[in-house]
Protein backbone atom coordinates (compact mmCIF):
# COMPACT_ATOMS: atom_id res chain seq x y z
CA MET A 1 122.18 59.55 62.77
CA SER A 2 121.95 60.18 59.01
CA ARG A 3 120.33 63.36 57.68
CA ALA A 4 117.36 61.39 56.31
CA GLY A 5 116.95 59.49 59.57
CA PHE A 6 117.21 62.71 61.56
CA GLU A 7 114.48 64.41 59.53
CA ARG A 8 112.21 61.35 59.72
CA ARG A 9 112.58 61.38 63.50
CA LEU A 10 111.56 65.04 63.64
CA GLU A 11 108.48 64.44 61.50
CA ALA A 12 107.50 61.55 63.78
CA LEU A 13 107.76 63.79 66.85
CA LEU A 14 105.61 66.48 65.24
CA ALA A 15 103.05 63.87 64.27
CA ARG A 16 103.03 62.46 67.80
CA LYS A 17 102.37 65.92 69.25
CA GLN A 18 99.36 66.34 66.96
CA GLU A 19 98.15 62.85 67.85
CA LEU A 20 98.41 63.60 71.57
CA GLU A 21 96.43 66.81 71.18
CA ALA A 22 93.67 64.92 69.39
CA LEU A 23 93.62 62.19 72.05
CA MET A 24 93.61 64.74 74.89
CA SER A 25 90.55 66.46 73.45
CA GLU A 26 88.54 63.25 73.91
CA ALA A 27 90.30 61.60 76.87
CA THR A 28 88.69 60.71 80.17
CA PRO A 29 90.23 62.35 83.30
CA SER A 30 92.08 59.15 84.23
CA VAL A 31 93.77 58.92 80.82
CA TYR A 32 94.23 62.66 80.28
CA ALA A 33 96.97 63.04 82.94
CA GLY A 34 99.32 60.59 81.20
CA LEU A 35 98.72 62.14 77.78
CA ALA A 36 99.26 65.64 79.18
CA ARG A 37 102.53 64.56 80.79
CA GLU A 38 103.86 63.18 77.51
CA HIS A 39 102.68 66.30 75.68
CA ALA A 40 104.52 68.53 78.18
CA GLU A 41 107.71 66.49 77.78
CA LEU A 42 107.50 66.83 73.98
CA ALA A 43 106.78 70.56 74.02
CA PRO A 44 110.38 71.90 74.32
CA ILE A 45 111.84 69.76 71.52
CA VAL A 46 108.80 70.38 69.29
CA ALA A 47 109.31 74.14 69.73
CA HIS A 48 112.91 73.71 68.57
CA ILE A 49 111.81 71.60 65.59
CA GLU A 50 109.22 74.15 64.50
CA GLU A 51 111.76 76.98 64.73
CA TRP A 52 114.30 74.85 62.82
CA GLN A 53 111.78 74.22 60.01
CA ARG A 54 110.83 77.89 59.84
CA LEU A 55 114.47 78.97 59.64
CA ARG A 56 115.22 76.44 56.91
CA GLN A 57 112.47 78.04 54.83
CA GLU A 58 113.81 81.49 55.66
CA ARG A 59 117.30 80.37 54.61
CA GLN A 60 116.03 79.37 51.17
CA GLU A 61 114.44 82.76 50.70
CA LEU A 62 117.57 84.59 51.85
CA GLU A 63 119.77 82.51 49.55
CA ALA A 64 117.57 83.55 46.63
CA LEU A 65 117.77 87.23 47.63
CA ALA A 66 121.54 87.09 48.17
CA SER A 67 122.10 85.66 44.68
CA GLU A 68 119.51 87.79 42.86
CA GLU A 69 121.56 89.66 40.29
CA ALA A 70 118.71 91.98 39.42
CA GLY A 71 118.32 93.15 43.01
CA GLU A 72 119.93 96.13 44.70
CA PRO A 73 123.52 95.57 45.97
CA GLU A 74 122.49 96.83 49.43
CA MET A 75 119.65 94.30 49.59
CA ARG A 76 121.97 91.47 48.59
CA ALA A 77 124.46 92.53 51.29
CA LEU A 78 121.70 92.63 53.91
CA ALA A 79 120.46 89.22 52.80
CA ARG A 80 123.96 87.75 53.10
CA ASP A 81 124.36 89.16 56.63
CA GLU A 82 120.99 87.80 57.68
CA LEU A 83 121.81 84.47 56.03
CA GLN A 84 124.89 84.13 58.25
CA ARG A 85 122.78 84.73 61.36
CA VAL A 86 120.21 82.15 60.26
CA GLU A 87 122.93 79.59 59.49
CA ARG A 88 124.42 80.01 62.98
CA ARG A 89 121.03 79.62 64.63
CA LEU A 90 120.24 76.54 62.53
CA GLU A 91 123.48 74.90 63.67
CA GLU A 92 122.66 75.70 67.31
CA LEU A 93 119.13 74.36 66.98
CA GLU A 94 120.22 71.15 65.28
CA ARG A 95 122.72 70.45 68.05
CA GLU A 96 120.08 71.10 70.73
CA ILE A 97 117.62 68.82 68.93
CA ARG A 98 120.16 66.03 68.53
CA LEU A 99 121.03 66.30 72.24
CA ALA A 100 117.33 66.08 73.11
CA LEU A 101 117.05 62.93 70.99
CA LEU A 102 119.75 61.12 72.98
CA PRO A 103 118.54 58.11 74.97
CA LYS A 104 117.76 59.25 78.50
CA ASP A 105 118.59 57.61 81.80
CA ALA A 106 115.28 56.18 82.96
CA PHE A 107 116.06 57.27 86.53
CA ASP A 108 117.06 60.89 85.86
CA ASP A 109 113.75 62.32 87.11
CA LYS A 110 114.01 60.49 90.43
CA SER A 111 115.11 61.64 93.84
CA ALA A 112 118.57 60.54 94.95
CA ILE A 113 120.00 58.64 97.87
CA LEU A 114 123.49 59.75 98.90
CA GLU A 115 125.90 57.49 100.75
CA ILE A 116 128.95 59.26 102.21
CA ARG A 117 131.75 57.38 103.99
CA ALA A 118 135.01 58.48 105.54
CA GLY A 119 137.95 56.91 103.73
CA THR A 120 141.71 57.16 104.21
CA GLY A 121 142.75 59.69 106.83
CA GLY A 122 141.22 58.73 110.15
CA GLU A 123 139.44 61.51 112.06
CA GLU A 124 140.32 64.10 109.43
CA ALA A 125 138.59 61.98 106.77
CA ALA A 126 135.50 61.80 108.98
CA LEU A 127 135.51 65.60 109.43
CA PHE A 128 135.77 66.02 105.66
CA ALA A 129 132.88 63.58 105.15
CA ALA A 130 130.85 65.84 107.46
CA ASP A 131 131.83 68.84 105.28
CA LEU A 132 130.55 67.01 102.20
CA LEU A 133 127.30 66.10 103.94
CA ARG A 134 126.71 69.78 104.81
CA MET A 135 127.63 70.82 101.26
CA TYR A 136 124.98 68.57 99.73
CA GLN A 137 122.42 69.65 102.33
CA ARG A 138 122.95 73.34 101.51
CA TRP A 139 122.96 72.60 97.78
CA ALA A 140 119.66 70.73 98.07
CA GLN A 141 118.10 73.59 100.02
CA LYS A 142 119.23 76.02 97.31
CA HIS A 143 117.28 73.93 94.78
CA GLY A 144 114.23 73.75 97.02
CA TRP A 145 114.66 69.99 97.50
CA ARG A 146 114.04 68.15 100.75
CA PHE A 147 117.16 66.77 102.44
CA GLU A 148 116.55 63.98 104.93
CA ILE A 149 119.25 62.08 106.78
CA LEU A 150 118.26 58.41 106.82
CA SER A 151 121.24 57.05 108.73
CA LEU A 152 124.17 58.73 110.47
CA SER A 153 127.23 57.41 112.29
CA GLU A 154 129.34 60.18 113.83
CA THR A 155 132.68 60.41 115.64
CA GLU A 156 133.20 62.12 118.99
CA ARG A 157 134.66 65.19 117.23
CA GLY A 158 131.62 65.64 115.00
CA GLY A 159 133.00 63.79 112.00
CA VAL A 160 130.96 61.36 109.90
CA ARG A 161 131.95 57.73 109.61
CA GLU A 162 128.99 56.99 107.37
CA ALA A 163 125.86 58.89 106.37
CA VAL A 164 122.93 58.03 104.14
CA ALA A 165 120.65 60.87 103.05
CA LEU A 166 117.69 61.35 100.75
CA VAL A 167 117.60 64.32 98.37
CA ALA A 168 113.93 64.43 97.43
CA GLY A 169 113.10 66.37 94.29
CA ARG A 170 112.37 65.78 90.62
CA GLY A 171 115.67 65.49 88.76
CA ALA A 172 117.89 65.33 91.85
CA TYR A 173 119.47 62.07 90.69
CA ALA A 174 120.19 63.49 87.22
CA ARG A 175 122.52 66.08 88.75
CA LEU A 176 123.88 64.29 91.79
CA LYS A 177 124.93 61.12 89.94
CA TYR A 178 128.08 62.94 88.81
CA GLU A 179 129.19 63.21 92.46
CA ALA A 180 129.81 59.48 92.77
CA GLY A 181 133.43 58.62 93.49
CA VAL A 182 136.28 59.51 95.83
CA HIS A 183 136.64 63.11 97.00
CA ARG A 184 140.06 64.13 98.30
CA VAL A 185 140.89 66.96 100.71
CA GLN A 186 144.24 68.66 101.32
CA ARG A 187 144.42 70.84 104.43
CA VAL A 188 145.96 71.23 107.88
CA PRO A 189 143.86 69.08 110.25
CA VAL A 190 142.64 70.57 113.52
CA THR A 191 144.57 67.79 115.25
CA GLU A 192 147.88 68.70 113.54
CA ALA A 193 150.21 70.57 115.91
CA GLN A 194 153.02 71.14 113.38
CA GLY A 195 150.86 72.87 110.78
CA ARG A 196 151.52 70.23 108.12
CA ILE A 197 149.09 69.67 105.25
CA HIS A 198 147.48 66.23 105.25
CA THR A 199 145.61 64.46 102.47
CA SER A 200 142.45 62.54 103.33
CA ALA A 201 139.53 61.10 101.39
CA ALA A 202 135.83 60.39 101.59
CA THR A 203 133.68 58.37 99.22
CA VAL A 204 130.30 59.26 97.77
CA ALA A 205 127.83 56.86 96.16
CA VAL A 206 124.64 58.11 94.48
CA LEU A 207 121.61 55.91 93.86
CA PRO A 208 118.19 56.67 92.38
CA GLU A 209 115.45 56.40 94.98
CA ALA A 210 113.41 53.27 94.34
CA GLU A 211 109.69 53.23 95.01
CA GLU A 212 107.65 50.09 95.48
CA VAL A 213 106.40 50.33 91.90
CA ASP A 214 110.03 50.26 90.70
CA LEU A 215 111.08 47.20 92.63
CA GLN A 216 108.98 44.71 94.56
CA LEU A 217 110.61 42.99 97.53
CA ASP A 218 109.59 39.42 98.35
CA GLU A 219 109.33 38.91 102.11
CA LYS A 220 110.80 35.42 101.83
CA ASP A 221 114.00 36.99 100.43
CA LEU A 222 114.45 39.15 103.53
CA ARG A 223 115.93 38.35 106.94
CA ILE A 224 114.94 41.02 109.45
CA ASP A 225 116.78 41.20 112.78
CA VAL A 226 115.97 43.61 115.59
CA PHE A 227 118.39 44.59 118.33
CA ARG A 228 119.02 47.26 120.93
CA ALA A 229 120.54 50.43 119.47
CA SER A 230 124.05 51.25 120.64
CA GLY A 231 124.80 54.71 121.97
CA ALA A 232 127.04 56.84 124.12
CA GLY A 233 125.00 56.11 127.25
CA GLY A 234 123.01 58.29 129.60
CA GLN A 235 119.38 59.26 129.34
CA HIS A 236 119.25 58.94 125.56
CA VAL A 237 120.12 55.23 125.41
CA ASN A 238 117.30 53.33 123.75
CA ARG A 239 116.51 50.41 126.06
CA THR A 240 114.14 48.72 123.62
CA GLU A 241 115.01 46.60 120.62
CA SER A 242 114.25 49.28 118.03
CA ALA A 243 117.32 48.95 115.76
CA VAL A 244 116.71 46.99 112.56
CA ARG A 245 119.02 45.02 110.29
CA ILE A 246 117.60 43.77 106.97
CA THR A 247 119.52 41.30 104.83
CA HIS A 248 118.51 40.57 101.25
CA LEU A 249 119.31 36.86 101.08
CA PRO A 250 119.72 36.46 97.28
CA THR A 251 122.35 39.22 97.07
CA GLY A 252 123.70 39.41 100.62
CA ILE A 253 123.10 43.17 100.75
CA THR A 254 122.58 44.29 104.36
CA VAL A 255 121.21 47.55 105.74
CA SER A 256 121.21 48.46 109.43
CA ILE A 257 119.31 51.45 110.84
CA GLN A 258 119.16 52.48 114.49
CA ASP A 259 118.72 56.26 114.30
CA GLU A 260 115.04 56.36 115.22
CA LYS A 261 113.46 55.25 118.50
CA SER A 262 110.68 53.59 116.55
CA GLN A 263 111.36 50.08 115.22
CA HIS A 264 108.72 50.70 112.56
CA ARG A 265 110.48 53.89 111.39
CA ASN A 266 113.89 52.19 111.32
CA ARG A 267 112.43 49.30 109.33
CA ALA A 268 110.89 51.68 106.78
CA ARG A 269 114.19 53.54 106.33
CA ALA A 270 116.17 50.31 105.99
CA LEU A 271 113.76 49.08 103.30
CA GLN A 272 114.04 52.42 101.51
CA ILE A 273 117.84 52.17 101.34
CA LEU A 274 117.78 48.46 100.48
CA ARG A 275 115.35 49.04 97.64
CA ALA A 276 117.57 51.81 96.23
CA ARG A 277 120.68 49.60 96.38
CA LEU A 278 118.88 46.72 94.69
CA LEU A 279 117.49 48.98 91.97
CA GLU A 280 120.97 50.37 91.33
CA ARG A 281 122.34 46.84 91.14
CA GLN A 282 119.62 45.91 88.66
CA ARG A 283 120.23 49.06 86.60
CA LEU A 284 123.96 48.45 86.38
CA GLU A 285 123.45 44.87 85.33
CA GLN A 286 121.22 46.11 82.50
CA GLU A 287 123.59 48.89 81.47
CA ARG A 288 126.97 47.42 82.33
CA ALA A 289 128.35 48.41 78.95
CA ARG A 290 128.06 52.12 79.76
CA ALA A 291 128.04 52.27 83.57
CA ALA A 292 130.49 51.28 86.28
CA ASP A 293 129.58 48.88 89.02
CA ARG A 294 128.48 50.47 92.28
CA ARG A 295 131.60 49.06 93.98
CA VAL A 296 133.66 51.16 91.58
CA GLN A 297 131.56 54.20 92.52
CA ILE A 298 132.34 53.72 96.17
CA GLY A 299 135.95 52.65 95.65
CA THR A 300 138.25 51.82 98.52
CA GLY A 301 138.55 55.33 99.89
CA ASP A 302 142.23 55.37 98.95
CA ARG A 303 143.77 58.80 98.23
CA SER A 304 144.80 57.80 94.71
CA GLU A 305 141.24 57.07 93.57
CA ARG A 306 139.78 60.54 93.27
CA ILE A 307 137.37 62.43 91.09
CA ARG A 308 137.87 65.78 92.83
CA THR A 309 140.38 67.50 95.11
CA TYR A 310 139.53 70.21 97.63
CA ASN A 311 142.74 72.13 98.44
CA PHE A 312 142.21 74.49 101.38
CA PRO A 313 145.60 76.34 101.35
CA GLN A 314 145.02 77.34 97.71
CA ASN A 315 141.24 77.86 98.04
CA ARG A 316 141.04 75.48 95.06
CA VAL A 317 138.63 72.77 93.89
CA THR A 318 139.72 70.63 90.94
CA ASP A 319 137.54 68.07 89.19
CA HIS A 320 140.00 65.66 87.61
CA ARG A 321 137.54 64.11 85.14
CA ILE A 322 137.25 67.29 83.07
CA GLY A 323 140.28 69.25 84.29
CA LEU A 324 138.12 72.02 85.76
CA THR A 325 139.61 74.16 88.54
CA LEU A 326 137.72 76.77 90.57
CA TYR A 327 139.39 79.05 93.09
CA LYS A 328 136.29 79.34 95.23
CA LEU A 329 136.44 76.44 97.65
CA ASP A 330 134.28 78.15 100.28
CA GLU A 331 131.53 78.77 97.73
CA VAL A 332 131.63 75.16 96.56
CA LEU A 333 131.43 73.78 100.10
CA SER A 334 128.58 76.18 100.89
CA GLY A 335 126.65 74.63 97.98
CA GLU A 336 126.57 77.94 96.09
CA ALA A 337 129.14 77.10 93.40
CA LEU A 338 128.68 73.32 93.20
CA ASP A 339 126.39 73.76 90.18
CA GLU A 340 129.26 75.31 88.21
CA ILE A 341 131.06 71.97 88.44
CA LEU A 342 127.92 69.91 87.82
CA ASP A 343 126.95 71.99 84.75
CA ALA A 344 130.41 71.45 83.25
CA LEU A 345 130.26 67.69 83.94
CA ILE A 346 126.79 67.42 82.40
CA ALA A 347 127.89 69.37 79.29
CA GLU A 348 130.95 67.14 78.87
CA ASP A 349 128.88 63.98 79.32
CA ARG A 350 126.25 65.10 76.81
CA ALA A 351 128.91 66.01 74.23
CA ALA A 352 130.60 62.60 74.62
CA ARG A 353 127.27 60.76 74.38
CA LEU A 354 126.28 62.74 71.31
CA ALA A 355 129.57 61.92 69.57
CA HIS A 356 129.17 58.24 70.49
CA PHE A 357 125.52 58.13 69.43
CA GLU A 358 126.18 59.80 66.08
CA GLY A 359 129.19 57.54 65.49
CA GLU A 360 127.03 54.45 66.05
CA SER A 361 124.33 55.81 63.73
CA ARG A 362 126.59 56.31 60.75
């Protein structure tokens, strides 16, 4: 973005803030909420803009003092020192403002739906998938977000073949979307008698939660089948046809849920997951130039397709996308240190987008 274009954009934002304040003073209660929301979203960047303008004025005054031949040498030296501080702060502010001006993902404020599947590695892969599920659950709790398992298929040893979970909280998708891909683990499996290190993998897909206002489903596009839930037997076997399978006929996407005893509850969960998958499909079609297809997110579960490696013997977690290594595997898996990785990924992504955006604007 050119200097002139940048400054015009800032003036427009300041003018919009003033306009919103005028509108809010006369708005009816039904309109006021929307205006107040926009005003609150503008507030942080406007504060940066106002500080940036004030410091630019201060810089002019300091430049005059620093070059004033008639002034005292001590005053000129002080002015030069202060000028350096102001210049540094101006550079920081301009970068923060330019980052705030970047186009935002329309779904960043949404809750997220996680899909975790065991990949290459048999039972050990399923046990690792269970570790990942617990990691995200603890991480969500740390952020005060609700974690709800929508669908779960487990192995006899407590591993996870496939799990679908909702992380409900404003901005959950904005952070979790960087977790999409293949996660690889290197450790000695509990089933390994010789003490050899094995490599296994699990896949993670992250979708923004779709509400009915985001995506309307036409009943004629859905085939809904009900069947008796399968189980291990005994008193907990569900003898009614409560399991639900919903197929979206235009795309062929199918969701099956049998976790709940209530057919109504299973149907609601299946629709929730289906809507999220369809919204993600729609989003990727619209933004294919800058986003990978969901099938690429999920991958094949092969060991070679990995975004991150969890090495237990070395207590090491390495994110291969940014070359970040942390020797605190336990803290990452407990959810405590996961944000260190996510913060680094977000910073790298924002820097790359800023460079791309500014390159396009020249």
